[in-house]
Amino acid sequence: LYKIFKKKYGRGFEDIEHSAEQEELILAAEEPESYKAKRKES
């Protein structure tokens, strides 16, 4: 489950916890334009 999650949906915390760009990696996707799209992405 963890393996497929990292391939399809996001990242493993151990892969990003020491990264200086952790916040950007957590957000991953490009910042949506509309408020509604931002909420849905969050």
Full PDB file with SEQRES, HELIX, SHEET, SSBOND, CRYST1, ORIGX, SCALE, CONECT and MASTER records, all heavy atoms in Angstrom:
SEQRES   1 A   42  LEU TYR LYS ILE PHE LYS LYS LYS TYR GLY ARG GLY PHE          
SEQRES   2 A   42  GLU ASP ILE GLU HIS SER ALA GLU GLN GLU GLU LEU ILE          
SEQRES   3 A   42  LEU ALA ALA GLU GLU PRO GLU SER TYR LYS ALA LYS ARG          
SEQRES   4 A   42  LYS GLU SER                                                  
HELIX    1 AA1 TYR A    2  LYS A    8  1                                   7    
HELIX    2 AA2 PHE A   13  ILE A   16  1                                   4    
HELIX    3 AA3 GLN A   22  LEU A   27  1                                   6    
HELIX    4 AA4 TYR A   35  GLU A   41  1                                   7    
CRYST1    1.000    1.000    1.000  90.00  90.00  90.00 P 1           1          
ORIGX1      1.000000  0.000000  0.000000        0.00000                         
ORIGX2      0.000000  1.000000  0.000000        0.00000                         
ORIGX3      0.000000  0.000000  1.000000        0.00000                         
SCALE1      1.000000  0.000000  0.000000        0.00000                         
SCALE2      0.000000  1.000000  0.000000        0.00000                         
SCALE3      0.000000  0.000000  1.000000        0.00000                         
ATOM      1  N   LEU A   1       0.830  -1.205   0.000  1.00  0.00           N  
ATOM      2  CA  LEU A   1       0.000   0.000   0.000  1.00  0.00           C  
ATOM      3  C   LEU A   1       0.867   1.259   0.000  1.00  0.00           C  
ATOM      4  O   LEU A   1       0.598   2.217  -0.734  1.00  0.00           O  
ATOM      5  CB  LEU A   1      -0.909   0.006   1.238  1.00  0.00           C  
ATOM      6  CG  LEU A   1      -2.172  -0.856   1.184  1.00  0.00           C  
ATOM      7  CD1 LEU A   1      -2.753  -1.043   2.582  1.00  0.00           C  
ATOM      8  CD2 LEU A   1      -3.217  -0.228   0.277  1.00  0.00           C  
ATOM      9  N   TYR A   2       1.893   1.242   0.822  1.00  0.00           N  
ATOM     10  CA  TYR A   2       2.800   2.388   0.923  1.00  0.00           C  
ATOM     11  C   TYR A   2       3.547   2.605  -0.389  1.00  0.00           C  
ATOM     12  O   TYR A   2       3.693   3.744  -0.864  1.00  0.00           O  
ATOM     13  CB  TYR A   2       3.770   2.130   2.071  1.00  0.00           C  
ATOM     14  CG  TYR A   2       4.714   3.274   2.380  1.00  0.00           C  
ATOM     15  CD1 TYR A   2       4.225   4.535   2.681  1.00  0.00           C  
ATOM     16  CD2 TYR A   2       6.095   3.073   2.407  1.00  0.00           C  
ATOM     17  CE1 TYR A   2       5.088   5.577   2.988  1.00  0.00           C  
ATOM     18  CE2 TYR A   2       6.960   4.097   2.721  1.00  0.00           C  
ATOM     19  CZ  TYR A   2       6.455   5.347   3.003  1.00  0.00           C  
ATOM     20  OH  TYR A   2       7.301   6.378   3.308  1.00  0.00           O  
ATOM     21  N   LYS A   3       3.981   1.527  -0.977  1.00  0.00           N  
ATOM     22  CA  LYS A   3       4.716   1.595  -2.244  1.00  0.00           C  
ATOM     23  C   LYS A   3       3.850   2.212  -3.345  1.00  0.00           C  
ATOM     24  O   LYS A   3       4.292   3.104  -4.083  1.00  0.00           O  
ATOM     25  CB  LYS A   3       5.169   0.190  -2.625  1.00  0.00           C  
ATOM     26  CG  LYS A   3       5.843   0.072  -3.984  1.00  0.00           C  
ATOM     27  CD  LYS A   3       6.187  -1.387  -4.249  1.00  0.00           C  
ATOM     28  CE  LYS A   3       6.727  -1.594  -5.668  1.00  0.00           C  
ATOM     29  NZ  LYS A   3       6.989  -3.031  -5.929  1.00  0.00           N  
ATOM     30  N   ILE A   4       2.604   1.726  -3.470  1.00  0.00           N  
ATOM     31  CA  ILE A   4       1.715   2.231  -4.514  1.00  0.00           C  
ATOM     32  C   ILE A   4       1.302   3.670  -4.217  1.00  0.00           C  
ATOM     33  O   ILE A   4       1.177   4.494  -5.134  1.00  0.00           O  
ATOM     34  CB  ILE A   4       0.477   1.319  -4.644  1.00  0.00           C  
ATOM     35  CG1 ILE A   4       0.907  -0.081  -5.089  1.00  0.00           C  
ATOM     36  CG2 ILE A   4      -0.517   1.898  -5.641  1.00  0.00           C  
ATOM     37  CD1 ILE A   4      -0.221  -1.095  -5.138  1.00  0.00           C  
ATOM     38  N   PHE A   5       1.104   3.998  -2.942  1.00  0.00           N  
ATOM     39  CA  PHE A   5       0.763   5.373  -2.581  1.00  0.00           C  
ATOM     40  C   PHE A   5       1.840   6.337  -3.078  1.00  0.00           C  
ATOM     41  O   PHE A   5       1.537   7.394  -3.644  1.00  0.00           O  
ATOM     42  CB  PHE A   5       0.600   5.506  -1.064  1.00  0.00           C  
ATOM     43  CG  PHE A   5       0.296   6.916  -0.609  1.00  0.00           C  
ATOM     44  CD1 PHE A   5      -1.013   7.362  -0.528  1.00  0.00           C  
ATOM     45  CD2 PHE A   5       1.318   7.801  -0.280  1.00  0.00           C  
ATOM     46  CE1 PHE A   5      -1.304   8.660  -0.124  1.00  0.00           C  
ATOM     47  CE2 PHE A   5       1.042   9.101   0.114  1.00  0.00           C  
ATOM     48  CZ  PHE A   5      -0.274   9.532   0.193  1.00  0.00           C  
ATOM     49  N   LYS A   6       3.089   5.973  -2.861  1.00  0.00           N  
ATOM     50  CA  LYS A   6       4.178   6.866  -3.266  1.00  0.00           C  
ATOM     51  C   LYS A   6       4.261   7.000  -4.784  1.00  0.00           C  
ATOM     52  O   LYS A   6       4.669   8.042  -5.301  1.00  0.00           O  
ATOM     53  CB  LYS A   6       5.508   6.362  -2.700  1.00  0.00           C  
ATOM     54  CG  LYS A   6       5.593   6.492  -1.175  1.00  0.00           C  
ATOM     55  CD  LYS A   6       7.031   6.455  -0.668  1.00  0.00           C  
ATOM     56  CE  LYS A   6       7.671   5.097  -0.883  1.00  0.00           C  
ATOM     57  NZ  LYS A   6       9.051   5.064  -0.331  1.00  0.00           N  
ATOM     58  N   LYS A   7       3.861   5.967  -5.493  1.00  0.00           N  
ATOM     59  CA  LYS A   7       3.924   6.034  -6.958  1.00  0.00           C  
ATOM     60  C   LYS A   7       2.749   6.806  -7.549  1.00  0.00           C  
ATOM     61  O   LYS A   7       2.902   7.471  -8.578  1.00  0.00           O  
ATOM     62  CB  LYS A   7       3.960   4.620  -7.538  1.00  0.00           C  
ATOM     63  CG  LYS A   7       5.281   3.895  -7.316  1.00  0.00           C  
ATOM     64  CD  LYS A   7       5.287   2.533  -8.002  1.00  0.00           C  
ATOM     65  CE  LYS A   7       6.641   1.844  -7.841  1.00  0.00           C  
ATOM     66  NZ  LYS A   7       6.672   0.511  -8.490  1.00  0.00           N  
ATOM     67  N   LYS A   8       1.567   6.716  -6.897  1.00  0.00           N  
ATOM     68  CA  LYS A   8       0.366   7.290  -7.500  1.00  0.00           C  
ATOM     69  C   LYS A   8      -0.093   8.605  -6.871  1.00  0.00           C  
ATOM     70  O   LYS A   8      -0.660   9.463  -7.559  1.00  0.00           O  
ATOM     71  CB  LYS A   8      -0.812   6.296  -7.400  1.00  0.00           C  
ATOM     72  CG  LYS A   8      -0.689   5.090  -8.287  1.00  0.00           C  
ATOM     73  CD  LYS A   8      -1.948   4.239  -8.248  1.00  0.00           C  
ATOM     74  CE  LYS A   8      -3.130   4.928  -8.889  1.00  0.00           C  
ATOM     75  NZ  LYS A   8      -4.302   4.034  -9.016  1.00  0.00           N  
ATOM     76  N   TYR A   9       0.143   8.772  -5.561  1.00  0.00           N  
ATOM     77  CA  TYR A   9      -0.537   9.868  -4.881  1.00  0.00           C  
ATOM     78  C   TYR A   9       0.362  10.886  -4.184  1.00  0.00           C  
ATOM     79  O   TYR A   9      -0.069  12.018  -3.959  1.00  0.00           O  
ATOM     80  CB  TYR A   9      -1.518   9.295  -3.842  1.00  0.00           C  
ATOM     81  CG  TYR A   9      -2.650   8.514  -4.459  1.00  0.00           C  
ATOM     82  CD1 TYR A   9      -2.676   7.116  -4.389  1.00  0.00           C  
ATOM     83  CD2 TYR A   9      -3.681   9.164  -5.124  1.00  0.00           C  
ATOM     84  CE1 TYR A   9      -3.718   6.396  -4.956  1.00  0.00           C  
ATOM     85  CE2 TYR A   9      -4.723   8.450  -5.702  1.00  0.00           C  
ATOM     86  CZ  TYR A   9      -4.730   7.065  -5.617  1.00  0.00           C  
ATOM     87  OH  TYR A   9      -5.764   6.365  -6.184  1.00  0.00           O  
ATOM     88  N   GLY A  10       1.551  10.510  -3.774  1.00  0.00           N  
ATOM     89  CA  GLY A  10       2.342  11.478  -3.026  1.00  0.00           C  
ATOM     90  C   GLY A  10       3.721  10.975  -2.683  1.00  0.00           C  
ATOM     91  O   GLY A  10       4.347  10.252  -3.461  1.00  0.00           O  
ATOM     92  N   ARG A  11       4.179  11.318  -1.485  1.00  0.00           N  
ATOM     93  CA  ARG A  11       5.529  10.993  -1.073  1.00  0.00           C  
ATOM     94  C   ARG A  11       5.508  10.300   0.290  1.00  0.00           C  
ATOM     95  O   ARG A  11       4.577  10.437   1.064  1.00  0.00           O  
ATOM     96  CB  ARG A  11       6.374  12.277  -0.957  1.00  0.00           C  
ATOM     97  CG  ARG A  11       6.428  13.108  -2.221  1.00  0.00           C  
ATOM     98  CD  ARG A  11       7.197  12.407  -3.338  1.00  0.00           C  
ATOM     99  NE  ARG A  11       8.593  12.206  -2.985  1.00  0.00           N  
ATOM    100  CZ  ARG A  11       9.559  13.104  -3.219  1.00  0.00           C  
ATOM    101  NH1 ARG A  11       9.264  14.249  -3.793  1.00  0.00           N  
ATOM    102  NH2 ARG A  11      10.806  12.852  -2.883  1.00  0.00           N  
ATOM    103  N   GLY A  12       6.603   9.600   0.577  1.00  0.00           N  
ATOM    104  CA  GLY A  12       6.815   9.057   1.908  1.00  0.00           C  
ATOM    105  C   GLY A  12       7.510  10.099   2.758  1.00  0.00           C  
ATOM    106  O   GLY A  12       8.408  10.801   2.277  1.00  0.00           O  
ATOM    107  N   PHE A  13       7.118  10.206   4.009  1.00  0.00           N  
ATOM    108  CA  PHE A  13       7.682  11.267   4.845  1.00  0.00           C  
ATOM    109  C   PHE A  13       9.185  11.113   5.009  1.00  0.00           C  
ATOM    110  O   PHE A  13       9.915  12.105   5.060  1.00  0.00           O  
ATOM    111  CB  PHE A  13       7.002  11.282   6.220  1.00  0.00           C  
ATOM    112  CG  PHE A  13       7.472  12.417   7.094  1.00  0.00           C  
ATOM    113  CD1 PHE A  13       7.088  13.719   6.819  1.00  0.00           C  
ATOM    114  CD2 PHE A  13       8.316  12.185   8.168  1.00  0.00           C  
ATOM    115  CE1 PHE A  13       7.527  14.771   7.613  1.00  0.00           C  
ATOM    116  CE2 PHE A  13       8.755  13.221   8.965  1.00  0.00           C  
ATOM    117  CZ  PHE A  13       8.360  14.521   8.687  1.00  0.00           C  
ATOM    118  N   GLU A  14       9.671   9.860   5.087  1.00  0.00           N  
ATOM    119  CA  GLU A  14      11.114   9.671   5.276  1.00  0.00           C  
ATOM    120  C   GLU A  14      11.911  10.167   4.072  1.00  0.00           C  
ATOM    121  O   GLU A  14      13.110  10.448   4.180  1.00  0.00           O  
ATOM    122  CB  GLU A  14      11.427   8.197   5.554  1.00  0.00           C  
ATOM    123  CG  GLU A  14      11.429   7.281   4.340  1.00  0.00           C  
ATOM    124  CD  GLU A  14      10.045   6.789   3.985  1.00  0.00           C  
ATOM    125  OE1 GLU A  14       9.064   7.344   4.521  1.00  0.00           O  
ATOM    126  OE2 GLU A  14       9.930   5.854   3.182  1.00  0.00           O  
ATOM    127  N   ASP A  15      11.231  10.284   2.903  1.00  0.00           N  
ATOM    128  CA  ASP A  15      11.919  10.760   1.696  1.00  0.00           C  
ATOM    129  C   ASP A  15      12.070  12.272   1.680  1.00  0.00           C  
ATOM    130  O   ASP A  15      12.890  12.805   0.926  1.00  0.00           O  
ATOM    131  CB  ASP A  15      11.144  10.325   0.446  1.00  0.00           C  
ATOM    132  CG  ASP A  15      11.072   8.808   0.322  1.00  0.00           C  
ATOM    133  OD1 ASP A  15      12.032   8.142   0.759  1.00  0.00           O  
ATOM    134  OD2 ASP A  15      10.054   8.301  -0.196  1.00  0.00           O  
ATOM    135  N   ILE A  16      11.256  12.972   2.481  1.00  0.00           N  
ATOM    136  CA  ILE A  16      11.261  14.435   2.395  1.00  0.00           C  
ATOM    137  C   ILE A  16      11.571  15.126   3.721  1.00  0.00           C  
ATOM    138  O   ILE A  16      11.751  16.344   3.747  1.00  0.00           O  
ATOM    139  CB  ILE A  16       9.903  14.960   1.882  1.00  0.00           C  
ATOM    140  CG1 ILE A  16       8.799  14.622   2.884  1.00  0.00           C  
ATOM    141  CG2 ILE A  16       9.571  14.401   0.516  1.00  0.00           C  
ATOM    142  CD1 ILE A  16       7.466  15.251   2.555  1.00  0.00           C  
ATOM    143  N   GLU A  17      11.641  14.362   4.835  1.00  0.00           N  
ATOM    144  CA  GLU A  17      11.743  15.021   6.141  1.00  0.00           C  
ATOM    145  C   GLU A  17      13.012  15.838   6.310  1.00  0.00           C  
ATOM    146  O   GLU A  17      13.036  16.799   7.073  1.00  0.00           O  
ATOM    147  CB  GLU A  17      11.618  14.001   7.274  1.00  0.00           C  
ATOM    148  CG  GLU A  17      12.712  12.963   7.337  1.00  0.00           C  
ATOM    149  CD  GLU A  17      12.584  12.091   8.586  1.00  0.00           C  
ATOM    150  OE1 GLU A  17      12.210  12.625   9.642  1.00  0.00           O  
ATOM    151  OE2 GLU A  17      12.848  10.882   8.488  1.00  0.00           O  
ATOM    152  N   HIS A  18      14.075  15.467   5.601  1.00  0.00           N  
ATOM    153  CA  HIS A  18      15.333  16.209   5.741  1.00  0.00           C  
ATOM    154  C   HIS A  18      15.556  17.182   4.589  1.00  0.00           C  
ATOM    155  O   HIS A  18      16.619  17.791   4.493  1.00  0.00           O  
ATOM    156  CB  HIS A  18      16.505  15.236   5.836  1.00  0.00           C  
ATOM    157  CG  HIS A  18      16.398  14.287   6.998  1.00  0.00           C  
ATOM    158  ND1 HIS A  18      16.337  14.721   8.296  1.00  0.00           N  
ATOM    159  CD2 HIS A  18      16.323  12.931   7.039  1.00  0.00           C  
ATOM    160  CE1 HIS A  18      16.239  13.674   9.105  1.00  0.00           C  
ATOM    161  NE2 HIS A  18      16.210  12.583   8.371  1.00  0.00           N  
ATOM    162  N   SER A  19      14.546  17.304   3.720  1.00  0.00           N  
ATOM    163  CA  SER A  19      14.700  18.172   2.561  1.00  0.00           C  
ATOM    164  C   SER A  19      14.446  19.617   2.944  1.00  0.00           C  
ATOM    165  O   SER A  19      13.533  19.931   3.695  1.00  0.00           O  
ATOM    166  CB  SER A  19      13.723  17.754   1.453  1.00  0.00           C  
ATOM    167  OG  SER A  19      13.715  18.715   0.430  1.00  0.00           O  
ATOM    168  N   ALA A  20      15.231  20.513   2.396  1.00  0.00           N  
ATOM    169  CA  ALA A  20      15.049  21.942   2.635  1.00  0.00           C  
ATOM    170  C   ALA A  20      13.794  22.453   1.940  1.00  0.00           C  
ATOM    171  O   ALA A  20      13.273  23.512   2.263  1.00  0.00           O  
ATOM    172  CB  ALA A  20      16.266  22.724   2.148  1.00  0.00           C  
ATOM    173  N   GLU A  21      13.325  21.691   0.959  1.00  0.00           N  
ATOM    174  CA  GLU A  21      12.134  22.086   0.213  1.00  0.00           C  
ATOM    175  C   GLU A  21      10.951  21.209   0.588  1.00  0.00           C  
ATOM    176  O   GLU A  21      10.097  20.902  -0.240  1.00  0.00           O  
ATOM    177  CB  GLU A  21      12.398  21.995  -1.284  1.00  0.00           C  
ATOM    178  CG  GLU A  21      13.563  22.857  -1.745  1.00  0.00           C  
ATOM    179  CD  GLU A  21      13.805  22.707  -3.243  1.00  0.00           C  
ATOM    180  OE1 GLU A  21      12.814  22.614  -3.982  1.00  0.00           O  
ATOM    181  OE2 GLU A  21      14.960  22.680  -3.653  1.00  0.00           O  
ATOM    182  N   GLN A  22      10.876  20.844   1.848  1.00  0.00           N  
ATOM    183  CA  GLN A  22       9.834  19.918   2.293  1.00  0.00           C  
ATOM    184  C   GLN A  22       8.443  20.443   1.990  1.00  0.00           C  
ATOM    185  O   GLN A  22       7.582  19.705   1.517  1.00  0.00           O  
ATOM    186  CB  GLN A  22       9.978  19.668   3.794  1.00  0.00           C  
ATOM    187  CG  GLN A  22       8.975  18.677   4.339  1.00  0.00           C  
ATOM    188  CD  GLN A  22       9.108  18.476   5.838  1.00  0.00           C  
ATOM    189  OE1 GLN A  22       8.118  18.436   6.532  1.00  0.00           O  
ATOM    190  NE2 GLN A  22      10.318  18.362   6.341  1.00  0.00           N  
ATOM    191  N   GLU A  23       8.217  21.723   2.252  1.00  0.00           N  
ATOM    192  CA  GLU A  23       6.882  22.275   2.058  1.00  0.00           C  
ATOM    193  C   GLU A  23       6.446  22.170   0.606  1.00  0.00           C  
ATOM    194  O   GLU A  23       5.314  21.797   0.309  1.00  0.00           O  
ATOM    195  CB  GLU A  23       6.866  23.741   2.506  1.00  0.00           C  
ATOM    196  CG  GLU A  23       5.465  24.326   2.676  1.00  0.00           C  
ATOM    197  CD  GLU A  23       4.732  23.673   3.813  1.00  0.00           C  
ATOM    198  OE1 GLU A  23       5.378  23.238   4.776  1.00  0.00           O  
ATOM    199  OE2 GLU A  23       3.499  23.568   3.715  1.00  0.00           O  
ATOM    200  N   GLU A  24       7.375  22.489  -0.311  1.00  0.00           N  
ATOM    201  CA  GLU A  24       7.027  22.394  -1.727  1.00  0.00           C  
ATOM    202  C   GLU A  24       6.769  20.952  -2.134  1.00  0.00           C  
ATOM    203  O   GLU A  24       5.882  20.666  -2.937  1.00  0.00           O  
ATOM    204  CB  GLU A  24       8.147  22.986  -2.582  1.00  0.00           C  
ATOM    205  CG  GLU A  24       8.262  24.513  -2.517  1.00  0.00           C  
ATOM    206  CD  GLU A  24       8.877  24.999  -1.215  1.00  0.00           C  
ATOM    207  OE1 GLU A  24       9.437  24.159  -0.480  1.00  0.00           O  
ATOM    208  OE2 GLU A  24       8.787  26.190  -0.932  1.00  0.00           O  
ATOM    209  N   LEU A  25       7.537  20.029  -1.566  1.00  0.00           N  
ATOM    210  CA  LEU A  25       7.353  18.611  -1.898  1.00  0.00           C  
ATOM    211  C   LEU A  25       6.026  18.100  -1.367  1.00  0.00           C  
ATOM    212  O   LEU A  25       5.362  17.276  -2.002  1.00  0.00           O  
ATOM    213  CB  LEU A  25       8.502  17.786  -1.310  1.00  0.00           C  
ATOM    214  CG  LEU A  25       9.850  17.936  -2.031  1.00  0.00           C  
ATOM    215  CD1 LEU A  25      10.959  17.311  -1.200  1.00  0.00           C  
ATOM    216  CD2 LEU A  25       9.800  17.294  -3.406  1.00  0.00           C  
ATOM    217  N   ILE A  26       5.620  18.591  -0.200  1.00  0.00           N  
ATOM    218  CA  ILE A  26       4.344  18.165   0.357  1.00  0.00           C  
ATOM    219  C   ILE A  26       3.205  18.639  -0.530  1.00  0.00           C  
ATOM    220  O   ILE A  26       2.265  17.906  -0.820  1.00  0.00           O  
ATOM    221  CB  ILE A  26       4.179  18.705   1.790  1.00  0.00           C  
ATOM    222  CG1 ILE A  26       5.157  18.009   2.727  1.00  0.00           C  
ATOM    223  CG2 ILE A  26       2.744  18.519   2.293  1.00  0.00           C  
ATOM    224  CD1 ILE A  26       5.160  18.547   4.129  1.00  0.00           C  
ATOM    225  N   LEU A  27       3.302  19.882  -0.995  1.00  0.00           N  
ATOM    226  CA  LEU A  27       2.247  20.400  -1.858  1.00  0.00           C  
ATOM    227  C   LEU A  27       2.239  19.711  -3.208  1.00  0.00           C  
ATOM    228  O   LEU A  27       1.196  19.483  -3.796  1.00  0.00           O  
ATOM    229  CB  LEU A  27       2.421  21.916  -2.036  1.00  0.00           C  
ATOM    230  CG  LEU A  27       2.176  22.735  -0.759  1.00  0.00           C  
ATOM    231  CD1 LEU A  27       2.516  24.191  -0.992  1.00  0.00           C  
ATOM    232  CD2 LEU A  27       0.732  22.601  -0.312  1.00  0.00           C  
ATOM    233  N   ALA A  28       3.416  19.341  -3.697  1.00  0.00           N  
ATOM    234  CA  ALA A  28       3.590  18.515  -4.892  1.00  0.00           C  
ATOM    235  C   ALA A  28       2.986  19.140  -6.135  1.00  0.00           C  
ATOM    236  O   ALA A  28       3.694  19.542  -7.049  1.00  0.00           O  
ATOM    237  CB  ALA A  28       3.034  17.116  -4.668  1.00  0.00           C  
ATOM    238  N   ALA A  29       1.668  19.189  -6.204  1.00  0.00           N  
ATOM    239  CA  ALA A  29       1.021  19.633  -7.429  1.00  0.00           C  
ATOM    240  C   ALA A  29       1.207  21.128  -7.629  1.00  0.00           C  
ATOM    241  O   ALA A  29       1.456  21.880  -6.693  1.00  0.00           O  
ATOM    242  CB  ALA A  29      -0.466  19.304  -7.374  1.00  0.00           C  
ATOM    243  N   GLU A  30       1.067  21.579  -8.870  1.00  0.00           N  
ATOM    244  CA  GLU A  30       1.179  22.992  -9.180  1.00  0.00           C  
ATOM    245  C   GLU A  30       0.048  23.751  -8.520  1.00  0.00           C  
ATOM    246  O   GLU A  30      -1.072  23.273  -8.431  1.00  0.00           O  
ATOM    247  CB  GLU A  30       1.107  23.184 -10.696  1.00  0.00           C  
ATOM    248  CG  GLU A  30       1.329  24.622 -11.130  1.00  0.00           C  
ATOM    249  CD  GLU A  30       1.312  24.752 -12.636  1.00  0.00           C  
ATOM    250  OE1 GLU A  30       1.511  23.714 -13.299  1.00  0.00           O  
ATOM    251  OE2 GLU A  30       1.087  25.858 -13.126  1.00  0.00           O  
ATOM    252  N   GLU A  31       0.324  24.935  -8.024  1.00  0.00           N  
ATOM    253  CA  GLU A  31      -0.666  25.722  -7.312  1.00  0.00           C  
ATOM    254  C   GLU A  31      -1.850  26.039  -8.217  1.00  0.00           C  
ATOM    255  O   GLU A  31      -1.709  26.664  -9.258  1.00  0.00           O  
ATOM    256  CB  GLU A  31      -0.017  27.030  -6.833  1.00  0.00           C  
ATOM    257  CG  GLU A  31      -0.866  27.810  -5.873  1.00  0.00           C  
ATOM    258  CD  GLU A  31      -0.786  27.259  -4.467  1.00  0.00           C  
ATOM    259  OE1 GLU A  31      -0.057  26.278  -4.257  1.00  0.00           O  
ATOM    260  OE2 GLU A  31      -1.460  27.808  -3.599  1.00  0.00           O  
ATOM    261  N   PRO A  32      -3.068  25.597  -7.860  1.00  0.00           N  
ATOM    262  CA  PRO A  32      -4.226  25.893  -8.694  1.00  0.00           C  
ATOM    263  C   PRO A  32      -4.558  27.384  -8.636  1.00  0.00           C  
ATOM    264  O   PRO A  32      -4.165  28.086  -7.712  1.00  0.00           O  
ATOM    265  CB  PRO A  32      -5.347  25.065  -8.057  1.00  0.00           C  
ATOM    266  CG  PRO A  32      -4.672  24.147  -7.098  1.00  0.00           C  
ATOM    267  CD  PRO A  32      -3.402  24.803  -6.701  1.00  0.00           C  
ATOM    268  N   GLU A  33      -5.332  27.848  -9.611  1.00  0.00           N  
ATOM    269  CA  GLU A  33      -5.636  29.267  -9.680  1.00  0.00           C  
ATOM    270  C   GLU A  33      -6.831  29.652  -8.818  1.00  0.00           C  
ATOM    271  O   GLU A  33      -6.763  30.578  -8.036  1.00  0.00           O  
ATOM    272  CB  GLU A  33      -5.883  29.675 -11.143  1.00  0.00           C  
ATOM    273  CG  GLU A  33      -4.624  29.583 -12.009  1.00  0.00           C  
ATOM    274  CD  GLU A  33      -4.896  30.047 -13.422  1.00  0.00           C  
ATOM    275  OE1 GLU A  33      -6.039  30.425 -13.705  1.00  0.00           O  
ATOM    276  OE2 GLU A  33      -3.968  30.038 -14.238  1.00  0.00           O  
ATOM    277  N   SER A  34      -7.953  28.955  -8.958  1.00  0.00           N  
ATOM    278  CA  SER A  34      -9.167  29.365  -8.270  1.00  0.00           C  
ATOM    279  C   SER A  34      -9.154  28.927  -6.811  1.00  0.00           C  
ATOM    280  O   SER A  34      -8.492  27.963  -6.439  1.00  0.00           O  
ATOM    281  CB  SER A  34     -10.395  28.782  -8.962  1.00  0.00           C  
ATOM    282  OG  SER A  34     -10.465  27.393  -8.738  1.00  0.00           O  
ATOM    283  N   TYR A  35      -9.938  29.676  -6.001  1.00  0.00           N  
ATOM    284  CA  TYR A  35     -10.054  29.328  -4.583  1.00  0.00           C  
ATOM    285  C   TYR A  35     -10.623  27.931  -4.419  1.00  0.00           C  
ATOM    286  O   TYR A  35     -10.151  27.136  -3.607  1.00  0.00           O  
ATOM    287  CB  TYR A  35     -10.944  30.354  -3.883  1.00  0.00           C  
ATOM    288  CG  TYR A  35     -11.217  30.035  -2.433  1.00  0.00           C  
ATOM    289  CD1 TYR A  35     -10.319  30.417  -1.437  1.00  0.00           C  
ATOM    290  CD2 TYR A  35     -12.369  29.348  -2.056  1.00  0.00           C  
ATOM    291  CE1 TYR A  35     -10.554  30.121  -0.113  1.00  0.00           C  
ATOM    292  CE2 TYR A  35     -12.611  29.049  -0.731  1.00  0.00           C  
ATOM    293  CZ  TYR A  35     -11.708  29.445   0.235  1.00  0.00           C  
ATOM    294  OH  TYR A  35     -11.950  29.142   1.546  1.00  0.00           O  
ATOM    295  N   LYS A  36     -11.668  27.628  -5.196  1.00  0.00           N  
ATOM    296  CA  LYS A  36     -12.311  26.323  -5.100  1.00  0.00           C  
ATOM    297  C   LYS A  36     -11.325  25.212  -5.424  1.00  0.00           C  
ATOM    298  O   LYS A  36     -11.284  24.177  -4.746  1.00  0.00           O  
ATOM    299  CB  LYS A  36     -13.509  26.266  -6.062  1.00  0.00           C  
ATOM    300  CG  LYS A  36     -14.324  24.996  -5.942  1.00  0.00           C  
ATOM    301  CD  LYS A  36     -15.552  25.057  -6.845  1.00  0.00           C  
ATOM    302  CE  LYS A  36     -16.379  23.792  -6.711  1.00  0.00           C  
ATOM    303  NZ  LYS A  36     -17.584  23.840  -7.579  1.00  0.00           N  
ATOM    304  N   ALA A  37     -10.505  25.424  -6.462  1.00  0.00           N  
ATOM    305  CA  ALA A  37      -9.519  24.411  -6.839  1.00  0.00           C  
ATOM    306  C   ALA A  37      -8.455  24.246  -5.759  1.00  0.00           C  
ATOM    307  O   ALA A  37      -7.993  23.135  -5.491  1.00  0.00           O  
ATOM    308  CB  ALA A  37      -8.874  24.784  -8.166  1.00  0.00           C  
ATOM    309  N   LYS A  38      -8.080  25.347  -5.121  1.00  0.00           N  
ATOM    310  CA  LYS A  38      -7.098  25.278  -4.039  1.00  0.00           C  
ATOM    311  C   LYS A  38      -7.633  24.464  -2.870  1.00  0.00           C  
ATOM    312  O   LYS A  38      -6.922  23.636  -2.294  1.00  0.00           O  
ATOM    313  CB  LYS A  38      -6.738  26.690  -3.552  1.00  0.00           C  
ATOM    314  CG  LYS A  38      -5.877  27.492  -4.517  1.00  0.00           C  
ATOM    315  CD  LYS A  38      -5.582  28.857  -3.934  1.00  0.00           C  
ATOM    316  CE  LYS A  38      -4.725  29.687  -4.894  1.00  0.00           C  
ATOM    317  NZ  LYS A  38      -4.443  31.028  -4.356  1.00  0.00           N  
ATOM    318  N   ARG A  39      -8.893  24.711  -2.498  1.00  0.00           N  
ATOM    319  CA  ARG A  39      -9.484  23.958  -1.402  1.00  0.00           C  
ATOM    320  C   ARG A  39      -9.549  22.477  -1.732  1.00  0.00           C  
ATOM    321  O   ARG A  39      -9.226  21.626  -0.908  1.00  0.00           O  
ATOM    322  CB  ARG A  39     -10.898  24.484  -1.103  1.00  0.00           C  
ATOM    323  CG  ARG A  39     -10.947  25.890  -0.564  1.00  0.00           C  
ATOM    324  CD  ARG A  39     -10.265  26.031   0.760  1.00  0.00           C  
ATOM    325  NE  ARG A  39     -10.877  25.265   1.822  1.00  0.00           N  
ATOM    326  CZ  ARG A  39     -10.339  25.097   3.015  1.00  0.00           C  
ATOM    327  NH1 ARG A  39      -9.161  25.612   3.286  1.00  0.00           N  
ATOM    328  NH2 ARG A  39     -10.957  24.381   3.936  1.00  0.00           N  
ATOM    329  N   LYS A  40      -9.972  22.165  -2.947  1.00  0.00           N  
ATOM    330  CA  LYS A  40     -10.082  20.766  -3.352  1.00  0.00           C  
ATOM    331  C   LYS A  40      -8.721  20.086  -3.324  1.00  0.00           C  
ATOM    332  O   LYS A  40      -8.586  18.942  -2.881  1.00  0.00           O  
ATOM    333  CB  LYS A  40     -10.686  20.676  -4.755  1.00  0.00           C  
ATOM    334  CG  LYS A  40     -10.962  19.250  -5.204  1.00  0.00           C  
ATOM    335  CD  LYS A  40     -11.676  19.222  -6.550  1.00  0.00           C  
ATOM    336  CE  LYS A  40     -11.965  17.776  -6.950  1.00  0.00           C  
ATOM    337  NZ  LYS A  40     -12.656  17.705  -8.258  1.00  0.00           N  
ATOM    338  N   GLU A  41      -7.703  20.797  -3.773  1.00  0.00           N  
ATOM    339  CA  GLU A  41      -6.352  20.242  -3.780  1.00  0.00           C  
ATOM    340  C   GLU A  41      -5.854  19.985  -2.360  1.00  0.00           C  
ATOM    341  O   GLU A  41      -5.157  19.001  -2.091  1.00  0.00           O  
ATOM    342  CB  GLU A  41      -5.408  21.203  -4.500  1.00  0.00           C  
ATOM    343  CG  GLU A  41      -3.967  20.722  -4.617  1.00  0.00           C  
ATOM    344  CD  GLU A  41      -3.798  19.524  -5.541  1.00  0.00           C  
ATOM    345  OE1 GLU A  41      -4.689  19.309  -6.398  1.00  0.00           O  
ATOM    346  OE2 GLU A  41      -2.798  18.816  -5.398  1.00  0.00           O  
ATOM    347  N   SER A  42      -6.245  20.868  -1.423  1.00  0.00           N  
ATOM    348  CA  SER A  42      -5.752  20.737  -0.045  1.00  0.00           C  
ATOM    349  C   SER A  42      -6.319  19.513   0.663  1.00  0.00           C  
ATOM    350  O   SER A  42      -5.762  19.053   1.651  1.00  0.00           O  
ATOM    351  CB  SER A  42      -6.096  21.999   0.756  1.00  0.00           C  
ATOM    352  OG  SER A  42      -7.486  22.056   1.050  1.00  0.00           O  
TER     353      SER A  42                                                      
MASTER        0    0    0    4    0    0    0    6  352    1    0    4          
END                                                                             
